[in-house]
Protein backbone atom coordinates (compact mmCIF):
# COMPACT_ATOMS: atom_id res chain seq x y z
CA UNK A 1 141.44 -130.32 166.14
CA UNK A 2 144.01 -131.04 169.01
CA UNK A 3 142.67 -134.57 169.41
CA UNK A 4 143.66 -135.32 165.73
CA UNK A 5 147.03 -133.19 166.20
CA UNK A 6 148.21 -135.27 168.95
CA UNK A 7 147.34 -138.69 167.43
CA UNK A 8 149.71 -137.82 164.44
CA UNK A 9 152.80 -140.20 164.87
CA UNK A 10 155.80 -137.88 164.30
CA UNK A 11 158.98 -137.27 166.21
CA UNK A 12 158.32 -135.54 169.52
CA UNK A 13 160.58 -132.59 168.73
CA UNK A 14 158.65 -132.13 165.43
CA UNK A 15 155.35 -132.40 167.27
CA UNK A 16 156.24 -129.73 169.90
CA UNK A 17 157.65 -127.31 167.35
CA UNK A 18 154.49 -127.53 165.30
CA UNK A 19 152.24 -127.32 168.47
CA UNK A 20 154.06 -124.15 169.49
CA UNK A 21 153.46 -122.74 166.03
CA UNK A 22 149.97 -123.24 166.36
CA UNK A 23 149.74 -121.67 169.71
CA UNK A 24 152.01 -118.76 168.76
CA UNK A 25 154.61 -119.76 171.23
CA UNK A 26 157.55 -120.07 169.27
CA UNK A 27 160.29 -117.53 169.52
CA UNK A 28 160.02 -114.84 166.84
CA UNK A 29 161.26 -111.32 166.50
CA UNK A 30 157.86 -110.17 167.23
CA UNK A 31 157.40 -112.11 170.30
CA UNK A 32 160.78 -110.94 171.65
CA UNK A 33 159.83 -107.34 170.92
CA UNK A 34 156.74 -107.66 173.06
CA UNK A 35 159.03 -108.89 175.87
CA UNK A 36 161.02 -105.81 175.49
CA UNK A 37 164.11 -107.76 174.43
CA UNK A 38 166.42 -105.74 172.12
CA UNK A 39 167.04 -107.08 168.70
CA UNK A 40 169.14 -105.92 165.75
CA UNK A 41 166.26 -106.06 163.23
CA UNK A 42 162.46 -106.87 163.36
CA UNK A 43 162.45 -107.66 159.57
CA UNK A 44 162.29 -111.29 158.32
CA UNK A 45 165.57 -112.59 157.87
CA UNK A 46 164.39 -114.26 154.40
CA UNK A 47 162.60 -111.69 152.58
CA UNK A 48 163.62 -108.61 154.52
CA UNK A 49 160.11 -107.11 154.30
CA UNK A 50 157.90 -107.92 157.09
CA UNK A 51 158.07 -107.97 160.98
CA UNK A 52 158.97 -111.75 161.76
CA UNK A 53 155.90 -113.11 163.52
CA UNK A 54 154.52 -116.55 163.45
CA UNK A 55 152.04 -116.54 160.52
CA UNK A 56 154.56 -114.58 158.49
CA UNK A 57 157.50 -117.00 159.34
CA UNK A 58 155.75 -120.08 158.48
CA UNK A 59 152.95 -119.37 156.28
CA UNK A 60 153.09 -115.65 154.65
CA UNK A 61 156.70 -115.16 153.85
CA UNK A 62 157.17 -115.27 150.09
CA UNK A 63 160.22 -117.51 150.35
CA UNK A 64 158.47 -119.90 152.83
CA UNK A 65 155.36 -119.83 150.48
CA UNK A 66 157.44 -121.56 147.90
CA UNK A 67 157.83 -124.55 150.21
CA UNK A 68 154.09 -124.70 150.80
CA UNK A 69 153.29 -124.27 147.17
CA UNK A 70 155.57 -127.31 146.11
CA UNK A 71 153.71 -129.26 148.95
CA UNK A 72 150.20 -128.18 147.94
CA UNK A 73 151.10 -129.05 144.12
CA UNK A 74 152.33 -132.51 145.29
CA UNK A 75 149.16 -133.28 147.28
CA UNK A 76 146.76 -131.62 144.80
CA UNK A 77 145.59 -129.06 147.36
CA UNK A 78 144.07 -126.00 145.65
CA UNK A 79 143.13 -123.47 148.54
CA UNK A 80 144.68 -120.70 150.03
CA UNK A 81 144.17 -119.91 153.85
CA UNK A 82 146.02 -117.79 156.27
CA UNK A 83 146.75 -118.35 159.80
CA UNK A 84 148.24 -121.39 161.46
CA UNK A 85 145.00 -123.25 162.71
CA UNK A 86 143.33 -122.96 159.04
CA UNK A 87 146.52 -123.80 157.50
CA UNK A 88 146.59 -126.93 159.70
CA UNK A 89 143.17 -127.87 159.10
CA UNK A 90 143.19 -127.89 155.33
CA UNK A 91 145.44 -130.89 155.46
CA UNK A 92 142.45 -132.77 157.00
CA UNK A 93 140.17 -134.58 154.45
CA UNK A 94 136.47 -135.56 154.48
CA UNK A 95 135.24 -138.99 153.81
CA UNK A 96 138.78 -140.59 154.09
CA UNK A 97 140.27 -143.04 156.76
CA UNK A 98 141.77 -141.85 159.84
CA UNK A 99 145.21 -143.00 158.60
CA UNK A 100 144.87 -140.70 155.68
CA UNK A 101 144.29 -137.76 157.66
CA UNK A 102 147.00 -138.71 160.16
CA UNK A 103 149.36 -138.96 157.11
CA UNK A 104 148.20 -135.56 155.83
CA UNK A 105 148.74 -134.18 159.33
CA UNK A 106 152.18 -135.59 159.54
CA UNK A 107 153.20 -133.82 156.27
CA UNK A 108 152.04 -130.43 157.77
CA UNK A 109 154.01 -131.11 160.97
CA UNK A 110 157.14 -131.98 159.17
CA UNK A 111 156.90 -129.05 156.88
CA UNK A 112 156.58 -126.63 159.78
CA UNK A 113 159.39 -128.46 161.57
CA UNK A 114 161.75 -128.26 158.77
CA UNK A 115 161.20 -124.51 158.15
CA UNK A 116 161.97 -124.16 161.65
CA UNK A 117 165.02 -126.14 161.48
CA UNK A 118 166.19 -124.40 158.22
CA UNK A 119 165.60 -120.79 159.67
CA UNK A 120 167.74 -121.79 162.83
CA UNK A 121 170.56 -123.05 160.55
CA UNK A 122 170.23 -119.64 158.70
CA UNK A 123 170.46 -117.54 161.78
CA UNK A 124 173.07 -119.38 163.61
CA UNK A 125 175.24 -121.02 161.04
CA UNK A 126 174.84 -118.63 158.15
CA UNK A 127 173.48 -119.99 154.74
CA UNK A 128 170.44 -119.74 152.76
CA UNK A 129 167.01 -121.28 152.69
CA UNK A 130 166.67 -123.83 149.79
CA UNK A 131 162.82 -124.47 149.65
CA UNK A 132 163.25 -127.50 147.42
CA UNK A 133 165.51 -129.17 150.06
CA UNK A 134 162.85 -128.42 152.59
CA UNK A 135 160.25 -130.02 150.64
CA UNK A 136 162.46 -133.10 149.52
CA UNK A 137 163.40 -133.63 153.26
CA UNK A 138 159.53 -133.54 154.19
CA UNK A 139 158.81 -136.19 151.56
CA UNK A 140 161.69 -138.30 152.94
CA UNK A 141 161.01 -137.76 156.58
CA UNK A 142 157.15 -138.44 156.32
CA UNK A 143 157.70 -141.67 153.98
CA UNK A 144 160.23 -143.02 156.48
CA UNK A 145 157.96 -142.21 159.56
CA UNK A 146 154.97 -144.00 157.69
CA UNK A 147 156.85 -147.00 156.73
CA UNK A 148 158.09 -147.47 160.23
CA UNK A 149 154.80 -146.89 162.03
CA UNK A 150 152.63 -149.01 159.49
CA UNK A 151 154.74 -152.22 159.01
CA UNK A 152 152.64 -153.55 156.28
CA UNK A 153 153.27 -150.48 153.96
CA UNK A 154 153.64 -151.72 150.29
CA UNK A 155 154.75 -148.63 148.43
CA UNK A 156 158.07 -147.49 147.54
CA UNK A 157 159.65 -144.16 148.17
CA UNK A 158 159.20 -143.17 144.43
CA UNK A 159 155.73 -144.14 144.55
CA UNK A 160 155.24 -141.90 147.58
CA UNK A 161 156.92 -139.00 145.67
CA UNK A 162 154.72 -139.45 142.59
CA UNK A 163 151.24 -140.21 144.11
CA UNK A 164 151.13 -139.52 147.71
CA UNK A 165 147.39 -139.56 148.21
CA UNK A 166 147.13 -143.03 146.64
CA UNK A 167 149.74 -144.24 149.07
CA UNK A 168 147.88 -142.97 152.04
CA UNK A 169 144.74 -144.31 151.03
CA UNK A 170 146.47 -147.76 150.60
CA UNK A 171 147.11 -147.76 154.64
C-alpha cells in the first residue's frame, strides 16, 4: 500500500498530512489526552458528539461524511468502510492502469488534506466547515496537479467535474 501511496504526485504538505492520518500521528484531541495535555473539550469541534480521534475526525464525523459522500457520488464509488487504511485502499481499482490509481489516490490525499486545512481554519480563525467548498477545492486541486504532471492531458476542467473516471482512463 505504501509503495502506491508514495508514488502519488501531490504537494509534499498534502502527502505528509495524509501519511500522518494513515499512521494516526496527526494532532487530535484524543492524542493530546493520551499525552496528558489539558484541553478544553475532547468533543469534536464539528459535530460536538464524539471524542475527536483520527478516524472520527477524517472519516466518521457526520459533517465530514458529507464531503466523502459528495466525493463517492462524483466517482461512482458505492461502498462504506471505516478506518484510514481501508478507506484509502477503496480508492484503488483493479484492472486499470497505474495512472488511474495514482489519480484516484491523489483525490483521497487531497480530500484528507483539505479536511485538515478547514479544521485548522475553524479552530484558529473561527468559521464553519463548508463541505461543498472542500469538495470543490479537491476537484480543482487534483485537476490542476494532473494537468501539470501529465502535460499531454486533453480534458477540460468541466469534463473533469462531469466524468472524472473517463478523464483518468484517458491518461
